[in-house]
Amino acid sequence: MERELTQKQKILLVLAKRGSLTLEELERYTKIPRNSLLKNLSELAAEGKISRGWLHIGGKKYRKYSLKVSVLRELGID
């Protein structure tokens, strides 16, 4: 019996594999709707599992999401 991954698990796996991503990239890779993605990212940030920063490209600001180093160590990824 296969168990479906939760949305939070999908987000963490994609961030672990791909590194820092914008909201649009996360939406593309996880196939999670934007509103659900924002809710889950806020919860993960409150839990201390991800960090948020800003990415400046061509005069525009984009929100960037990354896994915290402690989570990477917990997963055995250094």
N, C-alpha and C. Protein backbone atom coordinates (compact mmCIF):
# COMPACT_ATOMS: atom_id res chain seq x y z
N MET A 1 0.84 -1.18 0.00
CA MET A 1 0.00 0.00 0.00
C MET A 1 0.89 1.24 0.00
N GLU A 2 0.80 2.04 -1.05
CA GLU A 2 1.62 3.24 -1.13
C GLU A 2 0.93 4.39 -0.41
N ARG A 3 1.76 5.20 0.23
CA ARG A 3 1.24 6.34 0.97
C ARG A 3 1.60 7.60 0.20
N GLU A 4 0.63 8.46 0.02
CA GLU A 4 0.83 9.73 -0.68
C GLU A 4 1.62 10.70 0.20
N LEU A 5 2.55 11.43 -0.39
CA LEU A 5 3.31 12.43 0.35
C LEU A 5 2.41 13.61 0.68
N THR A 6 2.63 14.21 1.86
CA THR A 6 1.89 15.42 2.20
C THR A 6 2.47 16.59 1.40
N GLN A 7 1.75 17.68 1.36
CA GLN A 7 2.24 18.85 0.63
C GLN A 7 3.54 19.36 1.24
N LYS A 8 3.63 19.37 2.56
CA LYS A 8 4.85 19.84 3.22
C LYS A 8 6.03 18.94 2.88
N GLN A 9 5.82 17.65 2.83
CA GLN A 9 6.89 16.72 2.48
C GLN A 9 7.36 16.94 1.05
N LYS A 10 6.42 17.20 0.13
CA LYS A 10 6.78 17.48 -1.25
C LYS A 10 7.65 18.74 -1.34
N ILE A 11 7.25 19.78 -0.62
CA ILE A 11 8.01 21.04 -0.62
C ILE A 11 9.42 20.81 -0.10
N LEU A 12 9.54 20.10 1.02
CA LEU A 12 10.87 19.84 1.60
C LEU A 12 11.74 19.01 0.68
N LEU A 13 11.16 18.01 0.03
CA LEU A 13 11.93 17.18 -0.90
C LEU A 13 12.43 17.98 -2.10
N VAL A 14 11.58 18.82 -2.65
CA VAL A 14 11.97 19.63 -3.82
C VAL A 14 13.06 20.62 -3.42
N LEU A 15 12.92 21.26 -2.26
CA LEU A 15 13.95 22.20 -1.80
C LEU A 15 15.27 21.48 -1.51
N ALA A 16 15.20 20.27 -0.98
CA ALA A 16 16.43 19.50 -0.70
C ALA A 16 17.13 19.14 -2.00
N LYS A 17 16.36 18.82 -3.02
CA LYS A 17 16.95 18.40 -4.29
C LYS A 17 17.43 19.57 -5.13
N ARG A 18 16.69 20.66 -5.15
CA ARG A 18 16.97 21.76 -6.08
C ARG A 18 17.60 22.99 -5.44
N GLY A 19 17.63 23.09 -4.10
CA GLY A 19 18.21 24.26 -3.45
C GLY A 19 17.18 25.37 -3.30
N SER A 20 17.63 26.61 -3.35
CA SER A 20 16.74 27.77 -3.19
C SER A 20 15.86 27.95 -4.42
N LEU A 21 14.57 28.19 -4.17
CA LEU A 21 13.61 28.35 -5.26
C LEU A 21 12.65 29.50 -4.98
N THR A 22 12.12 30.09 -6.04
CA THR A 22 11.09 31.11 -5.90
C THR A 22 9.73 30.41 -5.77
N LEU A 23 8.72 31.20 -5.43
CA LEU A 23 7.37 30.66 -5.30
C LEU A 23 6.89 30.04 -6.62
N GLU A 24 7.16 30.71 -7.72
CA GLU A 24 6.73 30.21 -9.03
C GLU A 24 7.41 28.88 -9.37
N GLU A 25 8.70 28.76 -9.04
CA GLU A 25 9.42 27.51 -9.30
C GLU A 25 8.87 26.38 -8.42
N LEU A 26 8.60 26.68 -7.15
CA LEU A 26 8.02 25.67 -6.27
C LEU A 26 6.66 25.22 -6.77
N GLU A 27 5.88 26.17 -7.24
CA GLU A 27 4.56 25.85 -7.78
C GLU A 27 4.68 24.91 -8.98
N ARG A 28 5.65 25.17 -9.85
CA ARG A 28 5.87 24.34 -11.03
C ARG A 28 6.35 22.93 -10.66
N TYR A 29 7.31 22.83 -9.74
CA TYR A 29 7.89 21.52 -9.41
C TYR A 29 7.00 20.65 -8.52
N THR A 30 6.20 21.28 -7.64
CA THR A 30 5.38 20.49 -6.71
C THR A 30 3.96 20.27 -7.21
N LYS A 31 3.51 21.09 -8.16
CA LYS A 31 2.13 21.03 -8.67
C LYS A 31 1.09 21.34 -7.57
N ILE A 32 1.52 22.10 -6.55
CA ILE A 32 0.63 22.51 -5.47
C ILE A 32 0.09 23.89 -5.81
N PRO A 33 -1.22 24.12 -5.66
CA PRO A 33 -1.80 25.45 -5.95
C PRO A 33 -1.14 26.55 -5.11
N ARG A 34 -1.04 27.74 -5.68
CA ARG A 34 -0.33 28.86 -5.07
C ARG A 34 -0.78 29.17 -3.63
N ASN A 35 -2.09 29.23 -3.38
CA ASN A 35 -2.59 29.56 -2.04
C ASN A 35 -2.20 28.50 -1.02
N SER A 36 -2.31 27.23 -1.38
CA SER A 36 -1.91 26.15 -0.48
C SER A 36 -0.40 26.19 -0.24
N LEU A 37 0.33 26.50 -1.28
CA LEU A 37 1.78 26.58 -1.19
C LEU A 37 2.19 27.68 -0.21
N LEU A 38 1.57 28.85 -0.32
CA LEU A 38 1.88 29.96 0.59
C LEU A 38 1.57 29.59 2.04
N LYS A 39 0.45 28.93 2.27
CA LYS A 39 0.07 28.51 3.62
C LYS A 39 1.09 27.53 4.18
N ASN A 40 1.47 26.53 3.38
CA ASN A 40 2.44 25.53 3.82
C ASN A 40 3.82 26.14 4.06
N LEU A 41 4.24 27.07 3.20
CA LEU A 41 5.54 27.71 3.37
C LEU A 41 5.57 28.55 4.65
N SER A 42 4.47 29.23 4.97
CA SER A 42 4.40 30.00 6.21
C SER A 42 4.50 29.09 7.43
N GLU A 43 3.82 27.94 7.37
CA GLU A 43 3.88 26.99 8.48
C GLU A 43 5.28 26.40 8.63
N LEU A 44 5.93 26.06 7.50
CA LEU A 44 7.28 25.51 7.56
C LEU A 44 8.27 26.54 8.10
N ALA A 45 8.08 27.81 7.75
CA ALA A 45 8.95 28.87 8.28
C ALA A 45 8.74 29.02 9.78
N ALA A 46 7.49 28.93 10.24
CA ALA A 46 7.18 29.04 11.67
C ALA A 46 7.77 27.85 12.44
N GLU A 47 7.81 26.68 11.79
CA GLU A 47 8.40 25.49 12.41
C GLU A 47 9.92 25.52 12.38
N GLY A 48 10.49 26.48 11.66
CA GLY A 48 11.94 26.62 11.59
C GLY A 48 12.61 25.67 10.61
N LYS A 49 11.87 25.16 9.65
CA LYS A 49 12.44 24.21 8.69
C LYS A 49 12.95 24.87 7.42
N ILE A 50 12.40 26.04 7.07
CA ILE A 50 12.87 26.76 5.89
C ILE A 50 13.18 28.21 6.25
N SER A 51 13.96 28.83 5.40
CA SER A 51 14.23 30.26 5.57
C SER A 51 13.75 30.97 4.31
N ARG A 52 13.41 32.24 4.47
CA ARG A 52 12.93 33.05 3.35
C ARG A 52 13.87 34.23 3.17
N GLY A 53 14.10 34.58 1.92
CA GLY A 53 14.94 35.72 1.61
C GLY A 53 14.45 36.37 0.34
N TRP A 54 15.22 37.34 -0.16
CA TRP A 54 14.83 38.04 -1.38
C TRP A 54 15.87 37.82 -2.46
N LEU A 55 15.39 37.69 -3.67
CA LEU A 55 16.23 37.53 -4.84
C LEU A 55 15.93 38.71 -5.76
N HIS A 56 16.98 39.44 -6.18
CA HIS A 56 16.80 40.61 -7.05
C HIS A 56 17.27 40.26 -8.46
N ILE A 57 16.33 40.31 -9.40
CA ILE A 57 16.66 40.02 -10.80
C ILE A 57 16.03 41.09 -11.68
N GLY A 58 16.86 41.77 -12.44
CA GLY A 58 16.36 42.77 -13.38
C GLY A 58 15.48 43.84 -12.75
N GLY A 59 15.84 44.31 -11.58
CA GLY A 59 15.07 45.35 -10.91
C GLY A 59 13.81 44.86 -10.22
N LYS A 60 13.55 43.56 -10.25
CA LYS A 60 12.38 42.98 -9.57
C LYS A 60 12.83 42.18 -8.36
N LYS A 61 11.96 42.12 -7.34
CA LYS A 61 12.24 41.33 -6.15
C LYS A 61 11.37 40.07 -6.16
N TYR A 62 12.00 38.94 -5.90
CA TYR A 62 11.29 37.67 -5.81
C TYR A 62 11.59 37.04 -4.45
N ARG A 63 10.58 36.42 -3.86
CA ARG A 63 10.78 35.72 -2.60
C ARG A 63 11.49 34.42 -2.89
N LYS A 64 12.53 34.11 -2.10
CA LYS A 64 13.34 32.91 -2.28
C LYS A 64 13.18 32.03 -1.03
N TYR A 65 12.97 30.76 -1.22
CA TYR A 65 12.79 29.81 -0.12
C TYR A 65 13.90 28.78 -0.14
N SER A 66 14.45 28.47 1.05
CA SER A 66 15.55 27.51 1.17
C SER A 66 15.34 26.66 2.42
N LEU A 67 15.89 25.44 2.37
CA LEU A 67 15.90 24.61 3.57
C LEU A 67 16.96 25.14 4.52
N LYS A 68 16.68 25.07 5.81
CA LYS A 68 17.69 25.47 6.78
C LYS A 68 18.75 24.37 6.88
N VAL A 69 19.95 24.75 7.24
CA VAL A 69 21.08 23.83 7.32
C VAL A 69 20.79 22.70 8.30
N SER A 70 20.12 23.00 9.41
CA SER A 70 19.80 21.97 10.41
C SER A 70 18.93 20.87 9.82
N VAL A 71 18.01 21.24 8.94
CA VAL A 71 17.14 20.25 8.30
C VAL A 71 17.95 19.41 7.32
N LEU A 72 18.86 20.06 6.59
CA LEU A 72 19.72 19.31 5.66
C LEU A 72 20.56 18.29 6.40
N ARG A 73 21.11 18.68 7.55
CA ARG A 73 21.91 17.74 8.36
C ARG A 73 21.05 16.60 8.88
N GLU A 74 19.82 16.93 9.28
CA GLU A 74 18.87 15.93 9.76
C GLU A 74 18.56 14.89 8.68
N LEU A 75 18.50 15.36 7.43
CA LEU A 75 18.23 14.46 6.31
C LEU A 75 19.50 13.74 5.82
N GLY A 76 20.66 14.14 6.35
CA GLY A 76 21.90 13.52 5.95
C GLY A 76 22.49 14.11 4.68
N ILE A 77 22.09 15.33 4.34
CA ILE A 77 22.58 16.01 3.15
C ILE A 77 23.48 17.16 3.60
N ASP A 78 24.76 17.10 3.23
CA ASP A 78 25.66 18.19 3.65
C ASP A 78 26.27 18.91 2.48
